[in-house]
Amino acid sequence: MRRHLRGGDHSFLAFRTAPTRRRGQLARHLASFGYTSSTIDVRDDLHSPSKERISYIGDKTLVVMEEMAENTQFQDFELIRVSAQESYAANCVR
């Protein structure tokens, strides 16, 4: 299973399966349109889809679950952290 989240010109690709050739294919496809990408491993969380754990709300700002906030892939973004008790709040739009 995979999910895609675009944050400006960068795409985060969330996978729940072991690495495959498809990850590279998708990254190359995005690059052909001028986008950069990185993968987020969400195999540890089988119950919460990635789009319920992270949202891009514009202006280089991500709303993320507290457990994901220390991910170095998010270092170029401003983060709004959401606690596990309010996890539904990470699934938002601007």
Protein backbone atom coordinates (compact mmCIF):
# COMPACT_ATOMS: atom_id res chain seq x y z
CA MET A 1 0.00 0.00 0.00
CA ARG A 2 1.26 3.47 -0.77
CA ARG A 3 0.14 7.04 -0.26
CA HIS A 4 1.41 10.26 -1.74
CA LEU A 5 1.57 13.69 -0.13
CA ARG A 6 2.83 16.67 -2.07
CA GLY A 7 4.39 19.47 -0.08
CA GLY A 8 5.21 22.22 -2.54
CA ASP A 9 7.62 20.77 -5.09
CA HIS A 10 8.51 17.80 -2.88
CA SER A 11 6.50 14.60 -2.61
CA PHE A 12 6.45 12.29 0.39
CA LEU A 13 5.75 8.68 -0.56
CA ALA A 14 4.41 6.57 2.30
CA PHE A 15 4.73 2.79 2.00
CA ARG A 16 3.52 -0.06 4.18
CA THR A 17 5.43 -2.72 2.31
CA ALA A 18 9.09 -3.62 2.05
CA PRO A 19 11.11 -1.59 -0.47
CA THR A 20 10.44 -2.51 -4.06
CA ARG A 21 11.45 -1.42 -7.53
CA ARG A 22 8.18 0.53 -7.74
CA ARG A 23 9.45 3.10 -5.27
CA GLY A 24 12.29 3.98 -7.60
CA GLN A 25 9.98 4.04 -10.61
CA LEU A 26 7.60 6.46 -8.91
CA ALA A 27 10.47 8.70 -7.77
CA ARG A 28 11.88 8.81 -11.32
CA HIS A 29 8.43 9.58 -12.73
CA LEU A 30 8.00 12.51 -10.32
CA ALA A 31 11.52 13.73 -11.11
CA SER A 32 10.64 13.86 -14.80
CA PHE A 33 8.12 16.58 -13.88
CA GLY A 34 10.62 18.48 -11.73
CA TYR A 35 9.54 17.13 -8.32
CA THR A 36 11.81 15.75 -5.64
CA SER A 37 10.62 12.91 -3.42
CA SER A 38 11.43 10.86 -0.35
CA THR A 39 9.87 7.81 1.21
CA ILE A 40 8.27 7.47 4.62
CA ASP A 41 8.10 3.97 6.09
CA VAL A 42 4.75 3.49 7.82
CA ARG A 43 4.95 -0.29 8.21
CA ASP A 44 4.89 0.02 12.00
CA ASP A 45 1.45 1.61 12.02
CA LEU A 46 -1.04 -0.72 10.38
CA HIS A 47 -4.15 1.05 11.65
CA SER A 48 -3.61 4.67 10.69
CA PRO A 49 -3.26 5.58 7.00
CA SER A 50 -0.45 8.05 6.33
CA LYS A 51 -2.83 10.75 5.19
CA GLU A 52 -4.39 10.70 8.66
CA ARG A 53 -0.96 11.24 10.20
CA ILE A 54 0.38 14.07 8.06
CA SER A 55 -1.05 16.91 5.96
CA TYR A 56 0.50 19.72 3.94
CA ILE A 57 -1.34 23.00 4.52
CA GLY A 58 0.79 25.26 2.35
CA ASP A 59 3.57 27.75 3.01
CA LYS A 60 6.06 24.93 3.72
CA THR A 61 3.96 23.82 6.74
CA LEU A 62 3.06 20.26 7.69
CA VAL A 63 0.58 19.08 10.30
CA VAL A 64 2.08 15.87 11.72
CA MET A 65 1.44 13.34 14.44
CA GLU A 66 3.84 13.88 17.33
CA GLU A 67 5.42 10.44 16.73
CA MET A 68 6.48 11.50 13.20
CA ALA A 69 7.68 15.02 14.05
CA GLU A 70 11.33 14.08 14.56
CA ASN A 71 11.64 12.61 11.07
CA THR A 72 14.61 14.35 9.45
CA GLN A 73 12.77 14.42 6.12
CA PHE A 74 10.58 17.18 7.54
CA GLN A 75 13.47 19.46 8.59
CA ASP A 76 12.82 21.97 5.79
CA PHE A 77 9.19 22.43 6.85
CA GLU A 78 7.51 24.21 9.71
CA LEU A 79 5.68 21.61 11.79
CA ILE A 80 2.41 21.76 13.67
CA ARG A 81 2.48 18.78 16.03
CA VAL A 82 -0.66 16.82 16.90
CA SER A 83 -0.90 14.49 19.91
CA ALA A 84 -2.09 10.89 19.58
CA GLN A 85 -5.27 11.79 21.48
CA GLU A 86 -6.18 14.26 18.74
CA SER A 87 -4.87 12.28 15.78
CA TYR A 88 -7.91 13.15 13.66
CA ALA A 89 -6.61 16.74 13.57
CA ALA A 90 -3.64 15.72 11.40
CA ASN A 91 -6.07 14.96 8.57
CA CYS A 92 -6.86 18.52 7.53
CA VAL A 93 -6.89 20.93 4.61
CA ARG A 94 -6.21 24.60 4.30
